[in-house]
Protein backbone atom coordinates (compact mmCIF):
# COMPACT_ATOMS: atom_id res chain seq x y z
CA UNK A 1 -62.55 -8.32 82.10
CA UNK A 2 -60.15 -10.89 80.63
CA UNK A 3 -59.72 -10.88 76.86
CA UNK A 4 -61.80 -13.58 75.22
CA UNK A 5 -59.54 -15.60 72.93
CA UNK A 6 -61.04 -16.69 69.61
CA UNK A 7 -61.24 -20.32 68.58
CA UNK A 8 -58.50 -21.29 66.13
CA UNK A 9 -60.92 -21.73 63.23
CA UNK A 10 -59.60 -22.95 59.91
CA UNK A 11 -60.49 -21.33 56.60
CA UNK A 12 -60.58 -22.55 53.03
CA UNK A 13 -58.38 -20.52 50.66
CA UNK A 14 -59.66 -19.93 47.14
CA UNK A 15 -57.47 -22.11 44.93
CA UNK A 16 -59.25 -21.84 41.60
CA UNK A 17 -57.36 -20.66 38.52
CA UNK A 18 -59.40 -17.44 38.43
CA UNK A 19 -58.26 -16.62 41.98
CA UNK A 20 -54.56 -16.76 41.08
CA UNK A 21 -53.00 -13.34 40.46
CA UNK A 22 -50.65 -13.31 37.47
CA UNK A 23 -47.64 -11.02 37.75
CA UNK A 24 -44.09 -10.84 36.36
CA UNK A 25 -42.86 -13.02 39.24
CA UNK A 26 -45.09 -15.95 38.28
CA UNK A 27 -46.36 -15.44 34.72
CA UNK A 28 -43.97 -17.99 33.19
CA UNK A 29 -45.05 -20.67 35.67
CA UNK A 30 -48.72 -19.87 35.03
CA UNK A 31 -48.15 -20.19 31.28
CA UNK A 32 -46.60 -23.64 31.75
CA UNK A 33 -49.53 -24.83 33.86
CA UNK A 34 -52.02 -23.44 31.35
CA UNK A 35 -50.37 -25.15 28.38
CA UNK A 36 -50.75 -28.66 29.84
CA UNK A 37 -50.88 -31.30 28.40
CA UNK A 38 -48.73 -29.70 25.70
CA UNK A 39 -45.53 -30.05 27.74
CA UNK A 40 -42.29 -30.95 25.93
CA UNK A 41 -41.76 -33.75 28.46
CA UNK A 42 -43.88 -35.64 30.97
CA UNK A 43 -42.47 -33.93 34.06
CA UNK A 44 -42.48 -30.30 35.16
CA UNK A 45 -41.14 -28.74 38.36
CA UNK A 46 -42.19 -25.50 40.05
CA UNK A 47 -39.74 -23.94 42.48
CA UNK A 48 -39.63 -20.76 44.52
CA UNK A 49 -39.77 -19.30 48.04
CA UNK A 50 -42.41 -20.29 50.57
CA UNK A 51 -45.78 -18.78 49.78
CA UNK A 52 -44.90 -17.84 46.20
CA UNK A 53 -47.95 -19.66 44.84
CA UNK A 54 -46.54 -23.12 44.09
CA UNK A 55 -49.23 -25.02 45.97
CA UNK A 56 -51.97 -22.89 44.44
CA UNK A 57 -50.73 -23.68 40.94
CA UNK A 58 -50.39 -27.37 41.83
CA UNK A 59 -54.04 -27.37 42.89
CA UNK A 60 -55.04 -25.59 39.68
CA UNK A 61 -53.23 -28.28 37.69
CA UNK A 62 -54.82 -31.05 39.75
CA UNK A 63 -58.26 -29.72 38.86
CA UNK A 64 -57.35 -29.54 35.17
CA UNK A 65 -55.58 -32.90 34.92
CA UNK A 66 -57.36 -35.02 37.50
CA UNK A 67 -54.01 -35.61 39.18
CA UNK A 68 -53.65 -37.26 42.57
CA UNK A 69 -51.46 -35.77 45.29
CA UNK A 70 -48.63 -37.85 46.73
CA UNK A 71 -46.97 -36.74 49.96
CA UNK A 72 -43.61 -37.46 51.53
CA UNK A 73 -45.43 -39.44 54.22
CA UNK A 74 -46.92 -41.76 51.59
CA UNK A 75 -43.49 -42.27 50.06
CA UNK A 76 -42.14 -43.16 53.51
CA UNK A 77 -44.90 -45.67 54.15
CA UNK A 78 -45.79 -47.52 50.94
CA UNK A 79 -44.68 -48.41 47.46
CA UNK A 80 -46.13 -46.21 44.66
CA UNK A 81 -48.46 -48.87 43.14
CA UNK A 82 -50.48 -48.96 46.38
CA UNK A 83 -51.67 -45.35 46.02
CA UNK A 84 -51.04 -44.52 42.37
CA UNK A 85 -53.62 -46.91 40.99
CA UNK A 86 -54.47 -46.10 37.38
CA UNK A 87 -53.74 -42.38 37.74
CA UNK A 88 -52.24 -40.69 34.70
CA UNK A 89 -51.14 -37.55 36.55
CA UNK A 90 -49.77 -36.83 40.02
CA UNK A 91 -48.36 -34.00 42.09
CA UNK A 92 -45.46 -34.38 44.54
CA UNK A 93 -44.66 -31.41 46.78
CA UNK A 94 -41.97 -30.72 49.37
CA UNK A 95 -39.96 -33.95 49.34
CA UNK A 96 -36.51 -32.51 48.57
CA UNK A 97 -35.46 -32.12 52.22
CA UNK A 98 -35.99 -35.80 53.05
CA UNK A 99 -34.29 -37.43 50.06
CA UNK A 100 -30.74 -37.17 51.36
CA UNK A 101 -31.51 -38.71 54.78
CA UNK A 102 -34.21 -41.17 53.71
CA UNK A 103 -33.00 -43.41 50.89
CA UNK A 104 -36.29 -45.34 50.83
CA UNK A 105 -38.15 -42.13 49.98
CA UNK A 106 -35.68 -41.48 47.17
CA UNK A 107 -36.06 -45.04 45.87
CA UNK A 108 -39.86 -44.81 45.88
CA UNK A 109 -39.79 -41.41 44.18
CA UNK A 110 -37.65 -42.96 41.46
CA UNK A 111 -40.15 -45.83 41.20
CA UNK A 112 -43.01 -43.34 40.92
CA UNK A 113 -41.15 -41.33 38.29
CA UNK A 114 -40.51 -44.44 36.21
CA UNK A 115 -44.10 -45.65 36.53
CA UNK A 116 -45.49 -42.35 35.26
CA UNK A 117 -42.97 -42.36 32.42
CA UNK A 118 -43.87 -45.91 31.40
CA UNK A 119 -47.63 -45.28 31.34
CA UNK A 120 -47.31 -41.97 29.48
CA UNK A 121 -48.59 -39.94 32.42
CA UNK A 122 -47.55 -36.54 33.77
CA UNK A 123 -45.76 -35.62 36.98
CA UNK A 124 -45.65 -32.17 38.61
CA UNK A 125 -42.98 -31.56 41.26
CA UNK A 126 -42.87 -28.58 43.60
CA UNK A 127 -40.29 -27.40 46.13
CA UNK A 128 -38.17 -24.41 47.09
CA UNK A 129 -35.22 -25.42 44.92
CA UNK A 130 -35.13 -26.73 41.37
CA UNK A 131 -34.84 -30.57 41.24
CA UNK A 132 -31.34 -30.36 39.79
CA UNK A 133 -30.22 -28.93 43.17
CA UNK A 134 -31.89 -31.55 45.37
CA UNK A 135 -29.53 -33.65 47.48
CA UNK A 136 -30.20 -37.24 46.44
CA UNK A 137 -28.29 -40.49 47.15
CA UNK A 138 -29.48 -42.31 44.01
CA UNK A 139 -27.58 -41.61 40.81
CA UNK A 140 -30.49 -42.70 38.62
CA UNK A 141 -32.88 -40.33 40.37
CA UNK A 142 -30.35 -37.48 40.29
CA UNK A 143 -29.99 -37.98 36.55
CA UNK A 144 -33.74 -37.79 36.00
CA UNK A 145 -34.19 -34.80 38.27
CA UNK A 146 -31.40 -32.88 36.55
CA UNK A 147 -33.23 -33.15 33.23
CA UNK A 148 -36.62 -31.97 34.51
CA UNK A 149 -37.96 -28.71 33.08
CA UNK A 150 -37.89 -26.35 36.08
CA UNK A 151 -39.86 -23.10 36.27
CA UNK A 152 -39.21 -20.50 38.96
CA UNK A 153 -41.69 -18.36 40.88
CA UNK A 154 -40.18 -15.25 42.40
CA UNK A 155 -40.97 -12.92 45.28
CA UNK A 156 -43.86 -10.57 44.50
CA UNK A 157 -43.76 -6.86 43.76
CA UNK A 158 -45.95 -4.31 45.57
CA UNK A 159 -48.81 -4.65 43.09
CA UNK A 160 -48.95 -8.41 43.57
CA UNK A 161 -48.70 -8.14 47.36
CA UNK A 162 -51.67 -5.77 47.23
CA UNK A 163 -53.65 -8.26 45.15
CA UNK A 164 -52.65 -11.10 47.47
CA UNK A 165 -53.79 -9.16 50.54
CA UNK A 166 -57.16 -8.53 48.90
CA UNK A 167 -57.49 -12.26 48.18
CA UNK A 168 -56.41 -13.29 51.68
CA UNK A 169 -58.93 -10.95 53.27
CA UNK A 170 -61.64 -12.31 50.97
CA UNK A 171 -60.65 -15.91 51.78
CA UNK A 172 -61.22 -15.15 55.46
CA UNK A 173 -64.41 -13.15 54.79
CA UNK A 174 -62.86 -9.96 56.14
CA UNK A 175 -63.92 -6.61 54.72
CA UNK A 176 -60.90 -4.39 54.09
CA UNK A 177 -61.01 -1.16 52.11
CA UNK A 178 -58.27 -0.07 49.73
CA UNK A 179 -56.78 2.27 52.33
CA UNK A 180 -56.19 -0.67 54.69
CA UNK A 181 -54.51 -2.73 51.98
CA UNK A 182 -52.29 0.18 50.92
CA UNK A 183 -51.40 0.84 54.57
CA UNK A 184 -50.20 -2.75 54.95
CA UNK A 185 -48.34 -2.88 51.63
CA UNK A 186 -46.25 0.09 52.73
CA UNK A 187 -45.31 -1.54 56.03
CA UNK A 188 -44.93 -5.29 55.70
CA UNK A 189 -42.16 -7.34 54.16
CA UNK A 190 -42.66 -7.89 50.43
CA UNK A 191 -43.37 -11.60 50.59
CA UNK A 192 -46.33 -13.95 50.48
CA UNK A 193 -45.32 -15.36 53.86
CA UNK A 194 -45.51 -11.93 55.49
CA UNK A 195 -48.86 -11.19 53.82
CA UNK A 196 -50.36 -14.47 55.04
CA UNK A 197 -49.00 -13.94 58.54
CA UNK A 198 -50.34 -10.42 58.97
CA UNK A 199 -53.79 -11.27 57.58
CA UNK A 200 -54.01 -14.25 59.94
CA UNK A 201 -53.10 -11.97 62.86
CA UNK A 202 -55.67 -9.39 61.77
CA UNK A 203 -58.27 -12.15 61.51
CA UNK A 204 -57.56 -13.21 65.10
CA UNK A 205 -57.80 -9.60 66.30
CA UNK A 206 -61.05 -9.11 64.39
CA UNK A 207 -62.53 -12.23 66.04
CA UNK A 208 -61.60 -10.90 69.47
CA UNK A 209 -63.16 -7.55 68.61
CA UNK A 210 -66.20 -9.33 67.12
CA UNK A 211 -65.97 -7.43 63.86
CA UNK A 212 -65.35 -8.39 60.23
CA UNK A 213 -64.56 -4.86 59.02
CA UNK A 214 -60.82 -4.20 59.06
CA UNK A 215 -59.81 -0.61 59.76
CA UNK A 216 -56.44 1.13 59.59
CA UNK A 217 -56.31 1.48 63.42
CA UNK A 218 -56.93 -2.26 63.79
CA UNK A 219 -54.26 -3.08 61.20
CA UNK A 220 -51.85 -0.68 62.87
CA UNK A 221 -52.43 -2.23 66.29
CA UNK A 222 -51.79 -5.71 64.89
CA UNK A 223 -48.53 -4.59 63.26
CA UNK A 224 -47.42 -3.09 66.57
CA UNK A 225 -48.17 -6.38 68.32
CA UNK A 226 -46.20 -8.31 65.69
CA UNK A 227 -43.23 -5.91 66.04
CA UNK A 228 -43.36 -6.22 69.83
CA UNK A 229 -43.45 -10.02 69.67
CA UNK A 230 -40.52 -10.08 67.26
CA UNK A 231 -38.55 -7.69 69.46
CA UNK A 232 -39.24 -9.86 72.51
CA UNK A 233 -38.14 -12.94 70.62
CA UNK A 234 -34.92 -11.24 69.53
CA UNK A 235 -34.12 -10.14 73.07
CA UNK A 236 -34.52 -13.70 74.34
CA UNK A 237 -32.01 -14.89 71.79
CA UNK A 238 -29.35 -12.45 72.95
């Protein structure tokens, strides 16, 4: 019988403040988000590797501040007044890579920055690098970005990876005992990206098997499949 492939169903991650695990790699960033609106300036930037929790903290701050989210696509398409409205807080994520090649995006980000400054609002930026390191063609914007308070989120330790795995399984309504989580922690890369990837793969395997209980044999089989796929990809690149 052919293997029945599962539908690529989406899931809603838990992004509430209570669902965010505080650890040495992120505790400073969490403290800054929690102290809003008592920031020393109107702009704050979170930076760190992919999956380190930046977006989660941005969503936590949006809930607390009533901020609107502004994307790179909006900055490409329209001037800030068209979507900013009367907002007193906004979040801008993942625009650093397009500033150098898209001067209009840089100009509109500068416009947005100035508008929030003039109305006494707050701006939260988020990207992999601190704003002072963003490649930007506009001297005025570079000057403003270089003065932004930047807070780093680091790669997680084993304890945080364990907590993240528990959360990711819960987000996907998968039942995984402690022995499964500990099995994975000992074998996957210590990063949020790796944790998300392996839980997504386990979720797909569980859908195929028509089960929501994750076992060590199932987790082991998924890791073997991931290793085999990576090995095949490496051999193609040779």
